[in-house]
């Protein structure tokens, strides 16, 4: 998988690409991460990226031109055919584990467009991006955090990125580890007895009853 992220602030990803599991996967050549500064495609002498919105309103809107040029340049350089261009927006379709699996299975390249300010010219969503997605019912300052979330969620389904294959599977049940009795919480510090019983059938039933509900 190749990830290409277009951002005004690509340095935000420095720690992410070095310290995360994805960073280790990059070293092993299981995936590739590229972070592009949108300013490189800015317009005019001052490398302008934004302008006031038509119809009025607060803030500035990222222009369609620099984003178009950035995406086209990245496409030409990679020459990969199975790609998806993703734009992040609070108005987008909610991103799910099913999408993460689909991206990992069907695409060789994901190009992320990270917005800023009051948003991105709507023509980006309509004519440049293949999908517009949201990672939740809230508004972020920019799309960088969303890009990291989607990269992590998708990479879990790329073979060998996660050491243990069973760790990739959905795991929504409550979990405990040692000590069995955390005395600082008094009686509330005890691990449920069924989990230390050795009865695997009972443990499986308990876990099913205690799945985390979203």
N, C-alpha and C. Protein backbone atom coordinates (compact mmCIF):
# COMPACT_ATOMS: atom_id res chain seq x y z
N UNK A 1 0.83 -1.18 0.00
CA UNK A 1 0.00 0.00 0.00
C UNK A 1 0.88 1.25 0.00
N UNK A 2 0.50 2.22 -0.80
CA UNK A 2 1.18 3.51 -0.80
C UNK A 2 0.19 4.57 -0.33
N UNK A 3 0.62 5.33 0.69
CA UNK A 3 -0.18 6.44 1.18
C UNK A 3 0.47 7.75 0.74
N UNK A 4 -0.33 8.65 0.18
CA UNK A 4 0.13 9.99 -0.16
C UNK A 4 -0.80 10.99 0.51
N UNK A 5 -0.23 11.83 1.37
CA UNK A 5 -1.03 12.78 2.13
C UNK A 5 -0.69 14.20 1.69
N UNK A 6 -1.72 14.94 1.31
CA UNK A 6 -1.55 16.34 0.89
C UNK A 6 -2.01 17.23 2.04
N UNK A 7 -1.10 18.06 2.55
CA UNK A 7 -1.40 18.86 3.73
C UNK A 7 -0.64 20.18 3.68
N UNK A 8 -1.19 21.20 4.31
CA UNK A 8 -0.47 22.46 4.47
C UNK A 8 0.61 22.32 5.53
N UNK A 9 0.41 21.38 6.45
CA UNK A 9 1.34 21.18 7.56
C UNK A 9 1.84 19.72 7.60
N UNK A 10 2.63 19.31 6.63
CA UNK A 10 3.10 17.91 6.60
C UNK A 10 3.98 17.52 7.78
N UNK A 11 4.58 18.51 8.45
CA UNK A 11 5.45 18.19 9.59
C UNK A 11 4.67 17.60 10.76
N UNK A 12 3.35 17.77 10.75
CA UNK A 12 2.51 17.17 11.79
C UNK A 12 2.72 15.65 11.85
N UNK A 13 3.08 15.06 10.73
CA UNK A 13 3.18 13.61 10.62
C UNK A 13 4.56 13.06 11.01
N UNK A 14 5.49 13.92 11.41
CA UNK A 14 6.85 13.48 11.69
C UNK A 14 6.90 12.35 12.73
N UNK A 15 6.32 12.58 13.90
CA UNK A 15 6.32 11.55 14.93
C UNK A 15 5.55 10.32 14.51
N UNK A 16 4.44 10.53 13.83
CA UNK A 16 3.58 9.44 13.38
C UNK A 16 4.33 8.48 12.46
N UNK A 17 5.06 9.02 11.51
CA UNK A 17 5.73 8.15 10.54
C UNK A 17 6.99 7.50 11.10
N UNK A 18 7.51 8.03 12.21
CA UNK A 18 8.72 7.47 12.80
C UNK A 18 8.44 6.48 13.92
N UNK A 19 7.46 6.79 14.77
CA UNK A 19 7.28 6.04 16.01
C UNK A 19 6.16 5.00 15.98
N UNK A 20 5.22 5.13 15.09
CA UNK A 20 4.07 4.24 15.09
C UNK A 20 4.40 2.88 14.49
N UNK A 21 3.45 1.96 14.61
CA UNK A 21 3.59 0.64 13.97
C UNK A 21 3.73 0.82 12.47
N UNK A 22 3.09 1.84 11.93
CA UNK A 22 3.21 2.11 10.50
C UNK A 22 4.63 2.49 10.13
N UNK A 23 5.30 3.21 11.04
CA UNK A 23 6.70 3.56 10.79
C UNK A 23 7.57 2.33 10.68
N UNK A 24 7.32 1.36 11.56
CA UNK A 24 8.07 0.10 11.50
C UNK A 24 7.74 -0.68 10.23
N UNK A 25 6.46 -0.63 9.84
CA UNK A 25 6.05 -1.32 8.61
C UNK A 25 6.68 -0.68 7.38
N UNK A 26 6.89 0.63 7.45
CA UNK A 26 7.55 1.33 6.34
C UNK A 26 8.99 0.87 6.19
N UNK A 27 9.67 0.73 7.32
CA UNK A 27 11.06 0.25 7.30
C UNK A 27 11.14 -1.14 6.68
N UNK A 28 10.14 -1.97 6.96
CA UNK A 28 10.09 -3.33 6.43
C UNK A 28 9.57 -3.37 5.00
N UNK A 29 9.25 -2.19 4.45
CA UNK A 29 8.75 -2.06 3.08
C UNK A 29 7.40 -2.76 2.87
N UNK A 30 6.61 -2.81 3.94
CA UNK A 30 5.26 -3.37 3.83
C UNK A 30 4.29 -2.31 3.33
N UNK A 31 4.66 -1.06 3.50
CA UNK A 31 3.86 0.04 2.99
C UNK A 31 4.76 1.24 2.76
N UNK A 32 4.23 2.24 2.08
CA UNK A 32 4.98 3.45 1.78
C UNK A 32 4.15 4.66 2.20
N UNK A 33 4.78 5.62 2.86
CA UNK A 33 4.09 6.84 3.28
C UNK A 33 4.81 8.06 2.72
N UNK A 34 4.05 8.91 2.05
CA UNK A 34 4.60 10.14 1.48
C UNK A 34 3.73 11.32 1.92
N UNK A 35 4.38 12.38 2.41
CA UNK A 35 3.66 13.54 2.90
C UNK A 35 4.06 14.76 2.08
N UNK A 36 3.07 15.36 1.43
CA UNK A 36 3.31 16.43 0.47
C UNK A 36 2.81 17.77 1.00
N UNK A 37 3.63 18.79 0.84
CA UNK A 37 3.25 20.14 1.24
C UNK A 37 2.46 20.80 0.12
N UNK A 38 1.19 21.08 0.37
CA UNK A 38 0.33 21.69 -0.64
C UNK A 38 0.91 23.01 -1.14
N UNK A 39 1.70 23.68 -0.29
CA UNK A 39 2.29 24.96 -0.68
C UNK A 39 3.15 24.83 -1.93
N UNK A 40 3.68 23.65 -2.19
CA UNK A 40 4.51 23.43 -3.38
C UNK A 40 3.72 23.67 -4.66
N UNK A 41 2.40 23.62 -4.58
CA UNK A 41 1.55 23.84 -5.75
C UNK A 41 0.75 25.14 -5.63
N UNK A 42 1.17 26.00 -4.70
CA UNK A 42 0.48 27.27 -4.51
C UNK A 42 0.54 28.15 -5.75
N UNK A 43 -0.35 29.10 -5.85
CA UNK A 43 -0.48 29.93 -7.05
C UNK A 43 0.20 31.30 -6.88
N UNK A 44 0.91 31.71 -7.92
CA UNK A 44 1.51 33.03 -7.94
C UNK A 44 2.78 33.16 -7.12
N UNK A 45 3.25 34.38 -7.02
CA UNK A 45 4.49 34.69 -6.33
C UNK A 45 4.47 34.27 -4.87
N UNK A 46 3.32 34.40 -4.24
CA UNK A 46 3.21 34.11 -2.81
C UNK A 46 2.69 32.70 -2.51
N UNK A 47 2.61 31.86 -3.55
CA UNK A 47 2.16 30.47 -3.37
C UNK A 47 0.80 30.41 -2.65
N UNK A 48 -0.13 31.19 -3.14
CA UNK A 48 -1.44 31.31 -2.51
C UNK A 48 -2.23 30.00 -2.58
N UNK A 49 -2.86 29.65 -1.46
CA UNK A 49 -3.63 28.41 -1.38
C UNK A 49 -5.11 28.64 -1.10
N UNK A 50 -5.47 29.79 -0.61
CA UNK A 50 -6.86 30.01 -0.19
C UNK A 50 -7.38 31.36 -0.65
N UNK A 51 -8.70 31.53 -0.51
CA UNK A 51 -9.34 32.79 -0.90
C UNK A 51 -10.66 32.89 -0.15
N UNK A 52 -11.28 34.08 -0.22
CA UNK A 52 -12.55 34.29 0.47
C UNK A 52 -13.66 33.53 -0.25
N UNK A 53 -14.66 33.05 0.47
CA UNK A 53 -15.74 32.28 -0.15
C UNK A 53 -16.70 33.14 -0.96
N UNK A 54 -17.12 32.65 -2.12
CA UNK A 54 -18.18 33.32 -2.87
C UNK A 54 -19.45 33.33 -2.03
N UNK A 55 -20.18 34.43 -2.08
CA UNK A 55 -21.42 34.52 -1.30
C UNK A 55 -21.20 35.05 0.10
N UNK A 56 -19.92 35.27 0.45
CA UNK A 56 -19.61 35.81 1.77
C UNK A 56 -19.50 34.74 2.83
N UNK A 57 -19.12 35.14 4.01
CA UNK A 57 -18.96 34.22 5.13
C UNK A 57 -17.60 34.36 5.76
N UNK A 58 -17.43 33.81 6.96
CA UNK A 58 -16.16 33.95 7.68
C UNK A 58 -15.08 33.03 7.14
N UNK A 59 -13.83 33.38 7.41
CA UNK A 59 -12.73 32.49 7.10
C UNK A 59 -12.36 32.43 5.63
N UNK A 60 -11.43 31.52 5.34
CA UNK A 60 -10.91 31.34 4.00
C UNK A 60 -11.16 29.90 3.55
N UNK A 61 -11.20 29.71 2.24
CA UNK A 61 -11.47 28.39 1.65
C UNK A 61 -10.28 27.98 0.79
N UNK A 62 -9.84 26.73 0.92
CA UNK A 62 -8.74 26.24 0.09
C UNK A 62 -9.18 26.18 -1.37
N UNK A 63 -8.32 26.67 -2.25
CA UNK A 63 -8.63 26.76 -3.67
C UNK A 63 -8.55 25.40 -4.36
N UNK A 64 -9.32 25.24 -5.42
CA UNK A 64 -9.36 23.98 -6.14
C UNK A 64 -8.08 23.76 -6.96
N UNK A 65 -7.48 24.84 -7.49
CA UNK A 65 -6.33 24.72 -8.38
C UNK A 65 -5.13 24.01 -7.79
N UNK A 66 -4.61 24.46 -6.65
CA UNK A 66 -3.44 23.78 -6.07
C UNK A 66 -3.70 22.31 -5.73
N UNK A 67 -4.90 22.00 -5.25
CA UNK A 67 -5.23 20.62 -4.91
C UNK A 67 -5.28 19.75 -6.16
N UNK A 68 -5.87 20.29 -7.22
CA UNK A 68 -5.93 19.56 -8.48
C UNK A 68 -4.52 19.24 -8.98
N UNK A 69 -3.64 20.24 -8.97
CA UNK A 69 -2.28 20.04 -9.46
C UNK A 69 -1.51 19.05 -8.59
N UNK A 70 -1.73 19.11 -7.27
CA UNK A 70 -1.05 18.18 -6.36
C UNK A 70 -1.46 16.74 -6.64
N UNK A 71 -2.76 16.51 -6.76
CA UNK A 71 -3.27 15.16 -7.00
C UNK A 71 -2.77 14.62 -8.34
N UNK A 72 -2.82 15.45 -9.38
CA UNK A 72 -2.38 15.00 -10.70
C UNK A 72 -0.89 14.67 -10.71
N UNK A 73 -0.09 15.48 -10.01
CA UNK A 73 1.35 15.22 -9.95
C UNK A 73 1.64 13.89 -9.25
N UNK A 74 0.95 13.66 -8.15
CA UNK A 74 1.15 12.41 -7.39
C UNK A 74 0.74 11.20 -8.21
N UNK A 75 -0.35 11.31 -8.93
CA UNK A 75 -0.81 10.21 -9.78
C UNK A 75 0.23 9.87 -10.85
N UNK A 76 0.78 10.89 -11.48
CA UNK A 76 1.74 10.67 -12.56
C UNK A 76 3.04 10.05 -12.04
N UNK A 77 3.44 10.44 -10.84
CA UNK A 77 4.70 9.93 -10.28
C UNK A 77 4.59 8.48 -9.83
N UNK A 78 3.44 8.09 -9.31
CA UNK A 78 3.29 6.73 -8.79
C UNK A 78 2.97 5.72 -9.86
N UNK A 79 2.17 6.11 -10.84
CA UNK A 79 1.75 5.25 -11.96
C UNK A 79 0.94 4.03 -11.51
N UNK A 80 0.46 4.05 -10.28
CA UNK A 80 -0.38 2.95 -9.81
C UNK A 80 -1.81 3.15 -10.33
N UNK A 81 -2.47 2.07 -10.64
CA UNK A 81 -3.80 2.15 -11.24
C UNK A 81 -4.91 1.98 -10.21
N UNK A 82 -4.67 1.10 -9.23
CA UNK A 82 -5.72 0.85 -8.24
C UNK A 82 -5.57 1.84 -7.09
N UNK A 83 -6.12 3.03 -7.29
CA UNK A 83 -5.97 4.09 -6.31
C UNK A 83 -7.32 4.70 -5.96
N UNK A 84 -7.33 5.36 -4.80
CA UNK A 84 -8.54 6.06 -4.37
C UNK A 84 -8.12 7.40 -3.77
N UNK A 85 -8.73 8.48 -4.24
CA UNK A 85 -8.47 9.82 -3.73
C UNK A 85 -9.54 10.15 -2.70
N UNK A 86 -9.11 10.44 -1.48
CA UNK A 86 -10.04 10.62 -0.37
C UNK A 86 -9.97 12.04 0.17
N UNK A 87 -11.12 12.66 0.30
CA UNK A 87 -11.23 14.01 0.86
C UNK A 87 -11.97 13.90 2.18
N UNK A 88 -11.47 14.58 3.21
CA UNK A 88 -12.10 14.53 4.52
C UNK A 88 -13.02 15.72 4.73
N UNK A 89 -14.22 15.43 5.23
CA UNK A 89 -15.19 16.50 5.48
C UNK A 89 -16.19 16.02 6.52
N UNK A 90 -16.68 16.91 7.42
CA UNK A 90 -17.73 16.52 8.37
C UNK A 90 -19.01 16.08 7.67
N UNK A 91 -19.16 16.49 6.39
CA UNK A 91 -20.35 16.11 5.62
C UNK A 91 -20.17 14.82 4.87
N UNK A 92 -19.02 14.19 5.02
CA UNK A 92 -18.75 12.96 4.30
C UNK A 92 -19.40 11.73 4.91
N UNK A 93 -19.27 10.62 4.19
CA UNK A 93 -19.78 9.33 4.67
C UNK A 93 -18.93 8.86 5.84
N UNK A 94 -19.58 8.30 6.87
CA UNK A 94 -18.86 7.86 8.05
C UNK A 94 -17.94 6.70 7.73
N UNK A 95 -16.68 6.85 8.07
CA UNK A 95 -15.67 5.82 7.85
C UNK A 95 -15.85 4.69 8.86
N UNK A 96 -15.79 3.43 8.38
CA UNK A 96 -15.98 2.27 9.23
C UNK A 96 -14.89 1.23 8.98
N UNK A 97 -14.89 0.19 9.79
CA UNK A 97 -13.95 -0.92 9.60
C UNK A 97 -14.14 -1.56 8.23
N UNK A 98 -15.37 -1.62 7.75
CA UNK A 98 -15.62 -2.18 6.43
C UNK A 98 -14.88 -1.38 5.35
N UNK A 99 -14.83 -0.07 5.51
CA UNK A 99 -14.10 0.76 4.55
C UNK A 99 -12.60 0.48 4.65
N UNK A 100 -12.09 0.33 5.87
CA UNK A 100 -10.67 0.03 6.07
C UNK A 100 -10.29 -1.27 5.36
N UNK A 101 -11.12 -2.30 5.52
CA UNK A 101 -10.87 -3.58 4.86
C UNK A 101 -10.92 -3.43 3.35
N UNK A 102 -11.88 -2.66 2.88
CA UNK A 102 -12.04 -2.45 1.43
C UNK A 102 -10.84 -1.72 0.85
N UNK A 103 -10.38 -0.70 1.53
CA UNK A 103 -9.21 0.03 1.04
C UNK A 103 -8.00 -0.88 0.97
N UNK A 104 -7.79 -1.68 2.01
CA UNK A 104 -6.61 -2.57 2.05
C UNK A 104 -6.69 -3.65 0.98
N UNK A 105 -7.89 -4.08 0.68
CA UNK A 105 -8.06 -5.19 -0.26
C UNK A 105 -8.03 -4.74 -1.72
N UNK A 106 -8.64 -3.61 -2.03
CA UNK A 106 -8.85 -3.25 -3.43
C UNK A 106 -7.89 -2.19 -3.97
N UNK A 107 -7.16 -1.49 -3.11
CA UNK A 107 -6.33 -0.39 -3.60
C UNK A 107 -4.86 -0.59 -3.28
N UNK A 108 -4.02 -0.07 -4.17
CA UNK A 108 -2.58 -0.05 -3.98
C UNK A 108 -2.11 1.32 -3.50
N UNK A 109 -2.96 2.31 -3.67
CA UNK A 109 -2.59 3.68 -3.30
C UNK A 109 -3.81 4.44 -2.80
N UNK A 110 -3.62 5.14 -1.68
CA UNK A 110 -4.64 6.04 -1.16
C UNK A 110 -4.04 7.43 -1.11
N UNK A 111 -4.73 8.40 -1.71
CA UNK A 111 -4.30 9.80 -1.69
C UNK A 111 -5.27 10.57 -0.80
N UNK A 112 -4.75 11.19 0.24
CA UNK A 112 -5.59 11.91 1.19
C UNK A 112 -5.45 13.42 0.99
N UNK A 113 -6.58 14.10 0.95
CA UNK A 113 -6.60 15.56 0.86
C UNK A 113 -7.03 16.11 2.22
N UNK A 114 -6.10 16.77 2.91
CA UNK A 114 -6.38 17.30 4.25
C UNK A 114 -6.77 18.78 4.15
N UNK A 115 -8.00 19.08 4.49
CA UNK A 115 -8.47 20.45 4.45
C UNK A 115 -8.01 21.25 5.66
N UNK A 116 -8.20 22.57 5.59
CA UNK A 116 -7.90 23.49 6.68
C UNK A 116 -8.82 24.69 6.55
N UNK A 117 -8.74 25.59 7.50
CA UNK A 117 -9.51 26.82 7.52
C UNK A 117 -11.00 26.52 7.53
N UNK A 118 -11.77 27.23 6.68
CA UNK A 118 -13.23 27.02 6.67
C UNK A 118 -13.65 25.89 5.76
N UNK A 119 -12.69 25.24 5.12
CA UNK A 119 -13.03 24.11 4.27
C UNK A 119 -12.31 24.15 2.93
N UNK A 120 -12.80 23.34 2.02
CA UNK A 120 -12.18 23.17 0.71
C UNK A 120 -13.23 23.45 -0.36
N UNK A 121 -12.81 24.06 -1.45
CA UNK A 121 -13.71 24.32 -2.58
C UNK A 121 -14.47 23.04 -2.92
N UNK A 122 -15.78 23.12 -3.02
CA UNK A 122 -16.64 21.95 -3.21
C UNK A 122 -16.31 21.17 -4.48
N UNK A 123 -15.69 21.82 -5.44
CA UNK A 123 -15.34 21.11 -6.68
C UNK A 123 -14.30 20.01 -6.44
N UNK A 124 -13.58 20.10 -5.32
CA UNK A 124 -12.64 19.04 -4.96
C UNK A 124 -13.41 17.76 -4.65
N UNK A 125 -14.45 17.88 -3.83
CA UNK A 125 -15.27 16.71 -3.48
C UNK A 125 -16.03 16.18 -4.68
N UNK A 126 -16.51 17.08 -5.53
CA UNK A 126 -17.35 16.69 -6.66
C UNK A 126 -16.58 16.08 -7.82
N UNK A 127 -15.37 16.57 -8.09
CA UNK A 127 -14.70 16.20 -9.33
C UNK A 127 -13.27 15.69 -9.20
N UNK A 128 -12.66 15.82 -8.02
CA UNK A 128 -11.27 15.37 -7.86
C UNK A 128 -11.18 14.16 -6.96
N UNK A 129 -11.88 14.20 -5.84
CA UNK A 129 -11.87 13.06 -4.90
C UNK A 129 -12.80 11.95 -5.39
N UNK A 130 -12.41 10.72 -5.09
CA UNK A 130 -13.28 9.57 -5.39
C UNK A 130 -14.29 9.36 -4.26
N UNK A 131 -13.86 9.71 -3.03
CA UNK A 131 -14.73 9.55 -1.87
C UNK A 131 -14.53 10.71 -0.91
N UNK A 132 -15.60 11.12 -0.25
CA UNK A 132 -15.52 12.10 0.82
C UNK A 132 -15.99 11.41 2.09
N UNK A 133 -15.12 11.37 3.10
CA UNK A 133 -15.46 10.62 4.31
C UNK A 133 -15.27 11.48 5.56
N UNK A 134 -15.91 11.04 6.62
CA UNK A 134 -15.81 11.66 7.94
C UNK A 134 -15.43 10.58 8.94
N UNK A 135 -14.64 10.93 9.95
CA UNK A 135 -14.29 9.93 10.97
C UNK A 135 -15.16 10.08 12.22
N UNK A 136 -16.16 10.96 12.17
CA UNK A 136 -17.04 11.09 13.33
C UNK A 136 -17.88 12.34 13.26
N UNK A 137 -18.87 12.41 14.14
CA UNK A 137 -19.80 13.54 14.17
C UNK A 137 -19.20 14.68 14.99
N UNK A 138 -18.10 15.23 14.48
CA UNK A 138 -17.44 16.37 15.12
C UNK A 138 -16.58 17.05 14.06
N UNK A 139 -16.11 18.25 14.38
CA UNK A 139 -15.33 19.02 13.42
C UNK A 139 -13.90 19.19 13.94
N UNK A 140 -12.93 18.85 13.10
CA UNK A 140 -11.52 19.01 13.42
C UNK A 140 -10.99 20.29 12.79
N UNK A 141 -9.85 20.76 13.27
CA UNK A 141 -9.22 21.95 12.70
C UNK A 141 -8.70 21.65 11.30
N UNK A 142 -8.26 20.44 11.08
CA UNK A 142 -7.76 20.03 9.78
C UNK A 142 -7.93 18.54 9.58
N UNK A 143 -7.58 18.06 8.39
CA UNK A 143 -7.79 16.65 8.06
C UNK A 143 -6.65 15.73 8.44
N UNK A 144 -5.59 16.27 9.05
CA UNK A 144 -4.41 15.46 9.34
C UNK A 144 -4.69 14.32 10.33
N UNK A 145 -5.42 14.62 11.39
CA UNK A 145 -5.75 13.58 12.37
C UNK A 145 -6.61 12.50 11.72
N UNK A 146 -7.54 12.91 10.87
CA UNK A 146 -8.39 11.95 10.16
C UNK A 146 -7.55 11.06 9.25
N UNK A 147 -6.57 11.64 8.58
CA UNK A 147 -5.69 10.86 7.70
C UNK A 147 -4.92 9.81 8.49
N UNK A 148 -4.40 10.20 9.66
CA UNK A 148 -3.69 9.24 10.50
C UNK A 148 -4.60 8.10 10.93
N UNK A 149 -5.83 8.44 11.30
CA UNK A 149 -6.78 7.42 11.75
C UNK A 149 -7.08 6.43 10.64
N UNK A 150 -7.29 6.92 9.44
CA UNK A 150 -7.62 6.03 8.32
C UNK A 150 -6.41 5.19 7.93
N UNK A 151 -5.23 5.76 7.97
CA UNK A 151 -4.03 4.99 7.66
C UNK A 151 -3.83 3.86 8.67
N UNK A 152 -4.00 4.16 9.95
CA UNK A 152 -3.85 3.11 10.97
C UNK A 152 -4.91 2.02 10.81
N UNK A 153 -6.16 2.43 10.63
CA UNK A 153 -7.25 1.46 10.51
C UNK A 153 -7.07 0.57 9.28
N UNK A 154 -6.64 1.15 8.18
CA UNK A 154 -6.45 0.40 6.93
C UNK A 154 -5.23 -0.51 7.00
N UNK A 155 -4.15 -0.01 7.58
CA UNK A 155 -2.91 -0.77 7.61
C UNK A 155 -3.02 -2.05 8.44
N UNK A 156 -3.94 -2.08 9.39
CA UNK A 156 -4.14 -3.28 10.20
C UNK A 156 -4.49 -4.49 9.33
N UNK A 157 -5.05 -4.24 8.15
CA UNK A 157 -5.49 -5.33 7.27
C UNK A 157 -4.49 -5.62 6.15
N UNK A 158 -3.34 -4.98 6.21
CA UNK A 158 -2.27 -5.29 5.26
C UNK A 158 -1.42 -6.41 5.88
N UNK A 159 -1.24 -7.52 5.19
CA UNK A 159 -0.50 -8.66 5.75
C UNK A 159 0.85 -8.27 6.34
N UNK A 160 1.12 -8.78 7.53
CA UNK A 160 2.39 -8.66 8.24
C UNK A 160 2.61 -7.31 8.94
N UNK A 161 1.71 -6.34 8.73
CA UNK A 161 1.86 -5.05 9.43
C UNK A 161 1.64 -5.26 10.93
N UNK A 162 0.61 -6.03 11.28
CA UNK A 162 0.37 -6.40 12.67
C UNK A 162 0.99 -7.77 12.90
N UNK A 163 1.79 -7.89 13.95
CA UNK A 163 2.53 -9.13 14.21
C UNK A 163 1.65 -10.36 14.30
N UNK A 164 0.63 -10.31 15.16
CA UNK A 164 -0.27 -11.45 15.34
C UNK A 164 -1.52 -11.26 14.52
N UNK A 165 -1.83 -12.24 13.70
CA UNK A 165 -2.99 -12.13 12.81
C UNK A 165 -4.29 -12.00 13.59
N UNK A 166 -4.40 -12.69 14.75
CA UNK A 166 -5.64 -12.62 15.51
C UNK A 166 -5.84 -11.25 16.15
N UNK A 167 -4.78 -10.44 16.23
CA UNK A 167 -4.91 -9.08 16.76
C UNK A 167 -5.66 -8.17 15.81
N UNK A 168 -5.74 -8.58 14.54
CA UNK A 168 -6.44 -7.78 13.55
C UNK A 168 -7.94 -7.89 13.70
N UNK A 169 -8.40 -9.00 14.25
CA UNK A 169 -9.82 -9.25 14.34
C UNK A 169 -10.50 -8.27 15.30
N UNK A 170 -11.78 -8.09 15.09
CA UNK A 170 -12.57 -7.18 15.91
C UNK A 170 -12.51 -7.63 17.37
N UNK A 171 -12.24 -6.69 18.27
CA UNK A 171 -12.10 -7.02 19.69
C UNK A 171 -12.82 -5.95 20.50
N UNK A 172 -14.11 -6.16 20.77
CA UNK A 172 -14.92 -5.14 21.43
C UNK A 172 -15.29 -5.49 22.86
N UNK A 173 -14.76 -6.58 23.39
CA UNK A 173 -15.15 -6.95 24.74
C UNK A 173 -14.23 -6.30 25.78
N UNK A 174 -14.75 -6.16 27.00
CA UNK A 174 -13.95 -5.62 28.10
C UNK A 174 -12.78 -6.55 28.39
N UNK A 175 -11.64 -5.99 28.77
CA UNK A 175 -10.45 -6.81 29.02
C UNK A 175 -9.76 -6.40 30.32
N UNK A 176 -9.06 -7.38 30.92
CA UNK A 176 -8.31 -7.17 32.16
C UNK A 176 -6.94 -7.83 32.04
N UNK A 177 -6.00 -7.38 32.86
CA UNK A 177 -4.70 -8.04 32.95
C UNK A 177 -4.23 -7.99 34.40
N UNK A 178 -3.03 -8.48 34.70
CA UNK A 178 -2.53 -8.54 36.06
C UNK A 178 -2.35 -7.13 36.64
N UNK A 179 -2.57 -6.93 37.94
CA UNK A 179 -2.84 -7.96 38.96
C UNK A 179 -4.30 -8.38 39.00
N UNK A 180 -4.53 -9.58 39.46
CA UNK A 180 -5.90 -10.08 39.58
C UNK A 180 -6.69 -9.29 40.62
N UNK A 181 -6.00 -8.82 41.66
CA UNK A 181 -6.65 -8.03 42.71
C UNK A 181 -5.88 -6.72 42.88
N UNK A 182 -6.45 -5.62 42.34
CA UNK A 182 -5.84 -4.31 42.49
C UNK A 182 -6.41 -3.67 43.75
N UNK A 183 -5.67 -3.80 44.84
CA UNK A 183 -6.19 -3.50 46.17
C UNK A 183 -6.52 -2.03 46.38
N UNK A 184 -5.93 -1.13 45.62
CA UNK A 184 -6.20 0.30 45.78
C UNK A 184 -7.67 0.63 45.50
N UNK A 185 -8.35 -0.24 44.76
CA UNK A 185 -9.77 -0.03 44.46
C UNK A 185 -10.67 -0.86 45.38
N UNK A 186 -10.06 -1.46 46.40
CA UNK A 186 -10.81 -2.30 47.34
C UNK A 186 -11.51 -3.44 46.60
N UNK A 187 -12.77 -3.70 46.90
CA UNK A 187 -13.49 -4.82 46.28
C UNK A 187 -13.71 -4.59 44.78
N UNK A 188 -13.69 -3.32 44.35
CA UNK A 188 -13.88 -3.03 42.93
C UNK A 188 -12.65 -3.37 42.10
N UNK A 189 -11.55 -3.69 42.77
CA UNK A 189 -10.31 -3.99 42.06
C UNK A 189 -10.13 -5.43 41.66
N UNK A 190 -11.14 -6.27 41.89
CA UNK A 190 -11.05 -7.69 41.55
C UNK A 190 -11.42 -7.94 40.09
N UNK A 191 -10.65 -8.79 39.44
CA UNK A 191 -10.99 -9.24 38.08
C UNK A 191 -12.14 -10.23 38.19
N UNK A 192 -13.12 -10.18 37.26
CA UNK A 192 -14.21 -11.16 37.30
C UNK A 192 -13.69 -12.60 37.36
N UNK A 193 -14.25 -13.36 38.25
CA UNK A 193 -13.75 -14.71 38.52
C UNK A 193 -13.76 -15.61 37.29
N UNK A 194 -14.74 -15.41 36.43
CA UNK A 194 -14.86 -16.29 35.26
C UNK A 194 -13.60 -16.22 34.38
N UNK A 195 -12.96 -15.04 34.33
CA UNK A 195 -11.80 -14.87 33.46
C UNK A 195 -10.56 -15.60 33.95
N UNK A 196 -10.53 -15.97 35.21
CA UNK A 196 -9.40 -16.72 35.75
C UNK A 196 -9.79 -18.16 36.10
N UNK A 197 -10.95 -18.56 35.57
CA UNK A 197 -11.47 -19.90 35.91
C UNK A 197 -10.86 -21.00 35.04
N UNK A 198 -10.37 -20.62 33.85
CA UNK A 198 -9.86 -21.63 32.93
C UNK A 198 -10.95 -22.27 32.10
N UNK A 199 -12.20 -21.89 32.32
CA UNK A 199 -13.34 -22.43 31.57
C UNK A 199 -13.53 -21.58 30.31
N UNK A 200 -13.00 -22.05 29.20
CA UNK A 200 -12.99 -21.25 27.97
C UNK A 200 -14.39 -20.99 27.42
N UNK A 201 -15.27 -21.93 27.58
CA UNK A 201 -16.64 -21.74 27.11
C UNK A 201 -17.33 -20.63 27.91
N UNK A 202 -17.13 -20.65 29.23
CA UNK A 202 -17.71 -19.62 30.09
C UNK A 202 -17.09 -18.26 29.82
N UNK A 203 -15.78 -18.25 29.55
CA UNK A 203 -15.09 -17.00 29.23
C UNK A 203 -15.63 -16.39 27.95
N UNK A 204 -15.82 -17.24 26.92
CA UNK A 204 -16.35 -16.76 25.64
C UNK A 204 -17.75 -16.17 25.82
N UNK A 205 -18.57 -16.82 26.63
CA UNK A 205 -19.92 -16.33 26.89
C UNK A 205 -19.88 -15.00 27.63
N UNK A 206 -18.98 -14.89 28.61
CA UNK A 206 -18.83 -13.64 29.37
C UNK A 206 -18.41 -12.50 28.46
N UNK A 207 -17.46 -12.77 27.60
CA UNK A 207 -16.96 -11.73 26.69
C UNK A 207 -18.06 -11.25 25.74
N UNK A 208 -18.86 -12.18 25.28
CA UNK A 208 -19.96 -11.80 24.39
C UNK A 208 -20.96 -10.91 25.10
N UNK A 209 -21.19 -11.20 26.38
CA UNK A 209 -22.13 -10.39 27.18
C UNK A 209 -21.57 -9.04 27.55
N UNK A 210 -20.24 -8.90 27.47
CA UNK A 210 -19.61 -7.65 27.89
C UNK A 210 -18.91 -6.92 26.74
N UNK A 211 -19.45 -7.10 25.54
CA UNK A 211 -18.91 -6.35 24.40
C UNK A 211 -19.18 -4.87 24.57
N UNK A 212 -18.22 -4.07 24.15
CA UNK A 212 -18.37 -2.62 24.23
C UNK A 212 -19.36 -2.17 23.16
N UNK A 213 -20.39 -1.48 23.58
CA UNK A 213 -21.41 -1.02 22.66
C UNK A 213 -21.08 0.37 22.15
N UNK A 214 -21.14 0.53 20.81
CA UNK A 214 -20.84 1.84 20.23
C UNK A 214 -22.11 2.63 20.03
